[in-house]
Protein backbone atom coordinates (compact mmCIF):
# COMPACT_ATOMS: atom_id res chain seq x y z
CA MET A 1 -64.14 -62.65 70.89
CA LEU A 2 -60.43 -62.78 72.17
CA PHE A 3 -59.58 -65.31 69.34
CA ILE A 4 -60.65 -62.45 66.54
CA THR A 5 -58.82 -59.87 68.23
CA ARG A 6 -55.56 -62.02 68.58
CA TYR A 7 -55.95 -62.71 64.73
CA PHE A 8 -56.46 -59.18 63.49
CA TYR A 9 -52.99 -58.36 65.91
CA LEU A 10 -51.26 -61.22 64.02
CA LEU A 11 -52.76 -60.00 60.59
CA LEU A 12 -51.71 -56.62 61.76
CA ALA A 13 -47.98 -57.48 62.71
CA LEU A 14 -47.88 -59.72 59.49
CA ALA A 15 -49.28 -56.45 57.52
CA ALA A 16 -46.18 -54.14 59.57
CA LEU A 17 -43.61 -56.93 58.89
CA LEU A 18 -44.30 -56.54 55.16
CA VAL A 19 -44.70 -53.06 54.64
CA LEU A 20 -41.89 -51.70 57.13
CA PRO A 21 -38.97 -52.84 54.93
CA TYR A 22 -40.66 -51.57 51.80
CA ALA A 23 -40.94 -47.91 53.43
CA ALA A 24 -37.55 -48.53 54.50
CA GLN A 25 -36.35 -49.14 51.10
CA LYS A 26 -38.42 -46.07 49.95
CA LEU A 27 -37.12 -43.77 52.11
CA ILE A 28 -33.51 -45.00 51.19
CA HIS A 29 -34.29 -44.40 47.52
CA SER A 30 -35.92 -41.04 48.37
CA LEU A 31 -33.23 -39.88 50.47
CA GLU A 32 -30.56 -41.18 47.90
CA ALA A 33 -32.52 -38.87 45.26
CA GLN A 34 -32.39 -35.57 47.22
CA ARG A 35 -28.50 -35.90 47.86
CA LYS A 36 -28.27 -36.54 43.90
CA ALA A 37 -30.44 -33.56 43.43
CA GLU A 38 -28.28 -31.34 45.67
CA THR A 39 -25.03 -32.56 44.52
CA LEU A 40 -26.56 -31.45 40.87
CA LEU A 41 -27.61 -28.16 42.03
CA GLU A 42 -24.46 -27.21 43.49
CA GLU A 43 -22.75 -28.11 40.39
CA SER A 44 -25.04 -26.21 38.06
CA GLN A 45 -24.69 -22.96 40.62
CA LYS A 46 -20.73 -23.71 40.05
CA LEU A 47 -21.08 -23.84 36.53
CA ARG A 48 -23.72 -20.75 36.27
CA SER A 49 -21.28 -18.57 38.07
CA ALA A 50 -18.24 -19.75 36.10
CA LYS A 51 -20.22 -18.87 33.17
CA ASP A 52 -21.03 -15.11 34.61
CA LEU A 53 -17.47 -15.24 35.31
CA TYR A 54 -16.16 -15.91 31.85
CA GLN A 55 -18.73 -13.67 30.20
CA SER A 56 -17.56 -10.49 32.64
CA LYS A 57 -13.80 -11.46 31.10
CA VAL A 58 -15.06 -11.51 27.40
CA THR A 59 -16.97 -8.25 28.21
CA SER A 60 -14.08 -6.72 29.67
CA ILE A 61 -11.81 -7.81 26.69
CA ASN A 62 -14.12 -6.71 24.17
CA ARG A 63 -14.30 -2.98 25.89
CA PHE A 64 -10.71 -3.31 26.04
CA ARG A 65 -10.41 -4.60 21.88
CA THR A 66 -12.61 -1.32 21.64
CA ARG A 67 -10.46 1.24 23.32
CA VAL A 68 -6.93 -0.45 21.57
CA ASP A 69 -9.00 -0.42 17.91
CA ALA A 70 -9.97 3.44 18.39
CA PHE A 71 -6.53 4.65 19.21
CA MET A 72 -5.16 2.47 16.41
CA LYS A 73 -7.56 4.26 14.47
CA THR A 74 -6.53 7.70 15.95
CA ALA A 75 -2.82 6.21 15.34
CA LYS A 76 -3.12 5.60 11.96
CA GLN A 77 -4.96 8.85 11.19
CA THR A 78 -1.93 10.63 12.82
CA HIS A 79 0.65 8.72 10.65
CA SER A 80 2.09 7.78 13.95
CA ARG A 81 4.67 5.11 13.41
CA SER A 82 6.83 3.35 16.54
CA GLU A 83 9.57 4.87 14.66
CA SER A 84 8.57 8.31 15.65
CA TRP A 85 9.07 7.64 19.32
CA ILE A 86 12.73 8.46 20.14
CA PRO A 87 13.53 6.52 23.83
CA TYR A 88 15.65 8.40 26.32
CA GLN A 89 16.66 6.44 29.71
CA VAL A 90 16.52 8.03 32.77
CA ASN A 91 18.25 6.74 36.09
CA VAL A 92 17.97 9.71 38.76
CA VAL A 93 19.25 8.32 42.12
CA ASP A 94 18.72 10.20 45.40
CA GLN A 95 18.61 13.57 43.56
CA PRO A 96 17.76 16.12 46.10
CA MET A 97 14.89 18.28 44.73
CA GLU A 98 13.06 21.30 46.20
CA LEU A 99 9.06 20.87 46.99
CA THR A 100 8.37 23.82 44.64
CA ASN A 101 10.08 22.37 41.48
CA PHE A 102 8.26 18.43 42.43
CA GLN A 103 5.42 19.56 40.51
CA GLY A 104 7.12 19.74 37.09
CA VAL A 105 8.37 15.89 37.80
CA LEU A 106 4.77 14.91 38.74
CA GLU A 107 3.54 16.37 35.60
CA HIS A 108 6.36 14.55 33.25
CA ALA A 109 5.79 11.10 35.20
CA ARG A 110 1.93 11.53 34.18
CA HIS A 111 2.64 10.19 31.00
CA GLY A 112 3.30 13.59 29.04
CA TYR A 113 1.16 16.17 30.13
CA THR A 114 2.28 19.52 28.38
CA PRO A 115 -0.08 22.74 28.23
CA GLN A 116 0.65 21.94 24.07
CA GLY A 117 -0.73 18.30 24.07
CA THR A 118 1.17 15.05 24.71
CA SER A 119 4.49 14.93 22.63
CA PHE A 120 6.13 12.70 25.13
CA TYR A 121 5.33 9.29 27.06
CA PHE A 122 7.22 8.18 30.31
CA SER A 123 7.29 4.50 31.14
CA PRO A 124 8.07 4.52 34.63
CA GLU A 125 10.44 1.66 36.47
CA ARG A 126 10.99 2.93 39.45
CA PHE A 127 9.70 6.05 41.44
CA LEU A 128 10.73 7.03 44.89
CA LEU A 129 10.23 10.12 47.08
CA LYS A 130 11.65 10.71 50.24
CA TYR A 131 11.27 13.51 52.67
CA LEU A 132 15.05 14.57 54.06
CA THR A 133 15.19 15.76 57.58
CA GLN A 134 18.19 17.26 58.89
CA LYS A 135 18.94 13.96 60.01
CA ASP A 136 19.15 12.54 56.78
CA ILE A 137 21.29 14.89 55.45
CA GLU A 138 23.76 15.06 58.33
CA ASN A 139 23.95 10.88 57.72
CA SER A 140 24.13 11.34 54.04
CA SER A 141 27.20 10.70 52.01
CA ASN A 142 25.87 12.77 49.01
CA LYS A 143 27.25 15.87 48.71
CA ASP A 144 24.55 17.62 46.89
CA TYR A 145 22.50 18.09 50.42
CA GLN A 146 23.31 21.11 51.46
CA LEU A 147 22.63 21.66 55.34
CA ASN A 148 21.40 25.88 54.49
CA ASP A 149 19.12 24.67 52.20
CA ILE A 150 17.31 22.46 54.54
CA VAL A 151 17.26 24.80 56.80
CA ASP A 152 16.07 27.44 54.33
CA GLY A 153 13.55 25.18 52.82
CA LYS A 154 14.24 24.94 49.50
CA THR A 155 16.09 21.20 49.42
CA ASN A 156 13.15 18.76 51.17
CA LEU A 157 13.16 15.98 49.00
CA SER A 158 15.02 13.16 47.54
CA VAL A 159 13.81 11.58 43.82
CA THR A 160 14.90 8.35 42.64
CA LEU A 161 13.60 7.94 39.36
CA LYS A 162 14.33 5.20 36.61
CA GLY A 163 12.53 4.82 33.40
CA THR A 164 12.18 5.68 29.87
CA PHE A 165 11.24 8.85 28.00
CA TYR A 166 9.64 8.45 24.59
CA VAL A 167 9.12 11.67 22.50
CA PHE A 168 7.25 11.91 19.91
CA GLN A 169 9.05 13.53 16.88
CA ARG A 170 6.17 15.09 14.63
CA GLN A 171 7.26 14.85 10.56
C-alpha cells in the first residue's frame, strides 16, 4: 500500500510538473491580452472624445456660418457696401468726464445704439475708465481737472478711449 501511495504521489508530482508551466504560460498570455485590451479601450475613448470635440466645433462653425449668411443676406437687401462705412479715428487720452455724461459714452461704445437705430459701429482698441479722487487731481499735470469740479461732484471720471467709429452713410 505504501508503494502505491508513493507511485500516486510521484504521478501527481509529474502531472503538476507538466501542467504548471502550461498554466503559467496561459496566465502570462491572458495578462498580456488584458493589457492590450485596456490599451485599445483607452485609445478608443481618446478617439471618441476627439470625435465629439470635432463634432462640436463643426456644429459651432456651422452656426456661425448660418449667422454670417443671414448677415450677408440682410446686407445685400439693404444695399450695404464697405464703401458706405466712413471710418473716424478716436484717440481720447485721460479726458475728465462727469458721471452723468458717461452713459452716452457707454451707449456709443455699445456698437452704435441710438434711438433711431444703428447707424454707426465702434471698434474699440482701448477703453480705460478711472474714478478720480481729490488726490489724483492734485497729483495730475492735466489742467482740465478743476479741483472745484471734484468737490461739486461734476468731474469724477477719467476716460481713455481709442478706436474707430464707422459711420454708415445712407445712399
